[in-house]
């Protein structure tokens, strides 16, 4: 148990613990948004937008801990691993903004849907499209972070 708490001080450990949240959180939120559209239900839309918001905003600490862990992880990698790590970092730096935009859109969507329940269809449609695209971006970033072997 003591070892676990010691690892909680290591940014690379926290990064690995948190990095599924943006991808899996967005996957569940995206599925819930599709369900909201299918059911045509504004309450399901609000719940789905909350899931999307949590998934999208969780990219921020994942990104921050990844940045903090970069040097330590790079020092323990072979040359192919270093190239993939550099690619992972470059993709994250270049595309993190999409998660922030999605978090803002989903938070706005929650407020709009709660204030004007009849707007849930266009709100969930826009959020579903953006969430799907951001989910794909999350997979693209993650692939380079978990890939080992030949260089990119």
Protein backbone atom coordinates (compact mmCIF):
# COMPACT_ATOMS: atom_id res chain seq x y z
CA UNK A 1 0.00 0.00 0.00
CA UNK A 2 2.89 2.32 0.80
CA UNK A 3 4.32 1.77 -2.70
CA UNK A 4 1.02 2.85 -4.23
CA UNK A 5 1.09 6.18 -2.40
CA UNK A 6 4.73 6.70 -3.33
CA UNK A 7 3.83 6.25 -7.00
CA UNK A 8 1.10 8.87 -6.68
CA UNK A 9 3.90 11.43 -6.55
CA UNK A 10 5.23 10.30 -9.95
CA UNK A 11 3.68 12.24 -12.86
CA UNK A 12 4.16 9.31 -15.26
CA UNK A 13 2.15 7.06 -12.94
CA UNK A 14 -0.69 9.58 -12.61
CA UNK A 15 -0.65 10.09 -16.38
CA UNK A 16 -1.09 6.35 -16.94
CA UNK A 17 -3.87 6.17 -14.34
CA UNK A 18 -5.80 9.09 -15.81
CA UNK A 19 -5.23 8.69 -19.54
CA UNK A 20 -8.16 6.32 -20.15
CA UNK A 21 -10.63 8.95 -18.88
CA UNK A 22 -10.72 11.19 -21.95
CA UNK A 23 -11.06 8.25 -24.33
CA UNK A 24 -13.42 6.01 -22.35
CA UNK A 25 -15.35 8.93 -20.90
CA UNK A 26 -15.91 10.34 -24.36
CA UNK A 27 -16.85 6.91 -25.68
CA UNK A 28 -19.57 6.55 -23.04
CA UNK A 29 -20.70 10.14 -23.54
CA UNK A 30 -20.84 9.72 -27.31
CA UNK A 31 -22.93 6.56 -26.96
CA UNK A 32 -25.21 8.34 -24.50
CA UNK A 33 -25.64 11.25 -26.93
CA UNK A 34 -26.57 8.82 -29.69
CA UNK A 35 -29.09 7.27 -27.29
CA UNK A 36 -30.47 10.73 -26.45
CA UNK A 37 -31.02 11.42 -30.14
CA UNK A 38 -32.65 8.01 -30.63
CA UNK A 39 -34.93 8.44 -27.61
CA UNK A 40 -35.53 12.14 -28.30
CA UNK A 41 -35.19 12.88 -24.61
CA UNK A 42 -33.76 16.10 -23.20
CA UNK A 43 -32.99 14.54 -19.78
CA UNK A 44 -30.85 11.87 -21.41
CA UNK A 45 -29.18 14.64 -23.39
CA UNK A 46 -28.22 16.48 -20.20
CA UNK A 47 -26.83 13.30 -18.63
CA UNK A 48 -24.88 12.52 -21.81
CA UNK A 49 -23.49 16.04 -21.97
CA UNK A 50 -22.29 15.70 -18.38
CA UNK A 51 -20.44 12.51 -19.37
CA UNK A 52 -18.94 14.26 -22.39
CA UNK A 53 -17.89 17.23 -20.27
CA UNK A 54 -16.17 15.02 -17.69
CA UNK A 55 -14.41 13.04 -20.43
CA UNK A 56 -13.29 16.17 -22.26
CA UNK A 57 -12.15 18.15 -19.23
CA UNK A 58 -10.22 15.15 -17.91
CA UNK A 59 -7.83 15.62 -20.83
CA UNK A 60 -6.37 18.64 -19.04
CA UNK A 61 -4.76 16.79 -16.09
CA UNK A 62 -3.76 13.93 -18.40
CA UNK A 63 -1.95 16.43 -20.60
CA UNK A 64 -0.33 18.23 -17.64
CA UNK A 65 0.94 15.03 -16.04
CA UNK A 66 2.16 13.77 -19.40
CA UNK A 67 4.16 16.94 -19.91
CA UNK A 68 5.66 16.58 -16.44
CA UNK A 69 6.56 12.92 -17.03
CA UNK A 70 8.10 13.36 -20.48
CA UNK A 71 11.78 13.64 -19.50
CA UNK A 72 11.69 10.72 -17.05
CA UNK A 73 9.93 8.41 -19.49
CA UNK A 74 12.15 9.45 -22.38
CA UNK A 75 15.28 8.66 -20.36
CA UNK A 76 14.14 5.05 -19.92
CA UNK A 77 13.07 4.48 -23.55
CA UNK A 78 14.95 2.93 -26.44
CA UNK A 79 15.30 4.91 -29.69
CA UNK A 80 12.06 3.61 -31.23
CA UNK A 81 10.24 4.29 -27.94
CA UNK A 82 11.68 7.81 -27.84
CA UNK A 83 10.39 8.51 -31.34
CA UNK A 84 6.91 7.26 -30.43
CA UNK A 85 6.99 9.28 -27.21
CA UNK A 86 7.95 12.40 -29.18
CA UNK A 87 5.12 11.69 -31.61
CA UNK A 88 2.68 11.18 -28.72
CA UNK A 89 3.73 14.50 -27.19
CA UNK A 90 3.53 16.34 -30.51
CA UNK A 91 0.04 14.99 -31.19
CA UNK A 92 -1.11 15.93 -27.70
CA UNK A 93 0.29 19.46 -27.91
CA UNK A 94 -1.21 19.99 -31.35
CA UNK A 95 -4.68 18.61 -30.63
CA UNK A 96 -5.43 19.20 -26.92
CA UNK A 97 -7.47 22.26 -27.85
CA UNK A 98 -10.20 19.99 -29.27
CA UNK A 99 -10.88 18.58 -25.81
CA UNK A 100 -11.16 22.09 -24.38
CA UNK A 101 -13.55 23.18 -27.12
CA UNK A 102 -15.66 20.07 -26.53
CA UNK A 103 -15.72 20.73 -22.77
CA UNK A 104 -16.93 24.30 -23.43
CA UNK A 105 -19.52 23.17 -25.98
CA UNK A 106 -20.86 20.44 -23.70
CA UNK A 107 -21.04 22.80 -20.69
CA UNK A 108 -22.86 25.35 -22.83
CA UNK A 109 -25.10 22.59 -24.17
CA UNK A 110 -26.05 21.56 -20.63
CA UNK A 111 -27.04 25.14 -19.76
CA UNK A 112 -28.95 25.67 -23.00
CA UNK A 113 -30.78 22.35 -22.76
CA UNK A 114 -31.77 22.99 -19.15
CA UNK A 115 -33.01 26.51 -19.92
CA UNK A 116 -34.69 25.63 -23.23
CA UNK A 117 -35.52 21.90 -23.21
CA UNK A 118 -36.77 21.94 -26.82
CA UNK A 119 -33.25 22.69 -28.04
CA UNK A 120 -31.95 19.26 -27.01
CA UNK A 121 -32.06 17.84 -30.57
CA UNK A 122 -29.76 20.40 -32.23
CA UNK A 123 -27.58 20.62 -29.11
CA UNK A 124 -27.12 16.85 -28.92
CA UNK A 125 -26.52 16.63 -32.68
CA UNK A 126 -23.72 19.21 -32.58
CA UNK A 127 -22.23 17.71 -29.43
CA UNK A 128 -22.40 14.20 -30.92
CA UNK A 129 -20.50 15.28 -34.04
CA UNK A 130 -17.85 17.13 -32.03
CA UNK A 131 -17.58 14.35 -29.45
CA UNK A 132 -17.13 11.74 -32.17
CA UNK A 133 -14.36 13.74 -33.79
CA UNK A 134 -12.64 14.41 -30.48
CA UNK A 135 -12.92 10.73 -29.55
CA UNK A 136 -11.12 9.84 -32.79
CA UNK A 137 -8.43 12.42 -31.97
CA UNK A 138 -8.04 10.88 -28.51
CA UNK A 139 -7.46 7.49 -30.10
CA UNK A 140 -4.93 9.00 -32.48
CA UNK A 141 -2.99 10.61 -29.63
CA UNK A 142 -3.20 7.48 -27.46
CA UNK A 143 -1.96 5.19 -30.20
CA UNK A 144 1.40 6.95 -30.31
CA UNK A 145 1.65 6.89 -26.52
CA UNK A 146 1.15 3.16 -26.22
CA UNK A 147 2.86 1.99 -29.40
CA UNK A 148 6.21 0.26 -29.18
CA UNK A 149 8.42 -1.21 -31.83
CA UNK A 150 9.42 0.35 -35.11
CA UNK A 151 9.59 4.11 -35.26
CA UNK A 152 6.67 6.16 -36.62
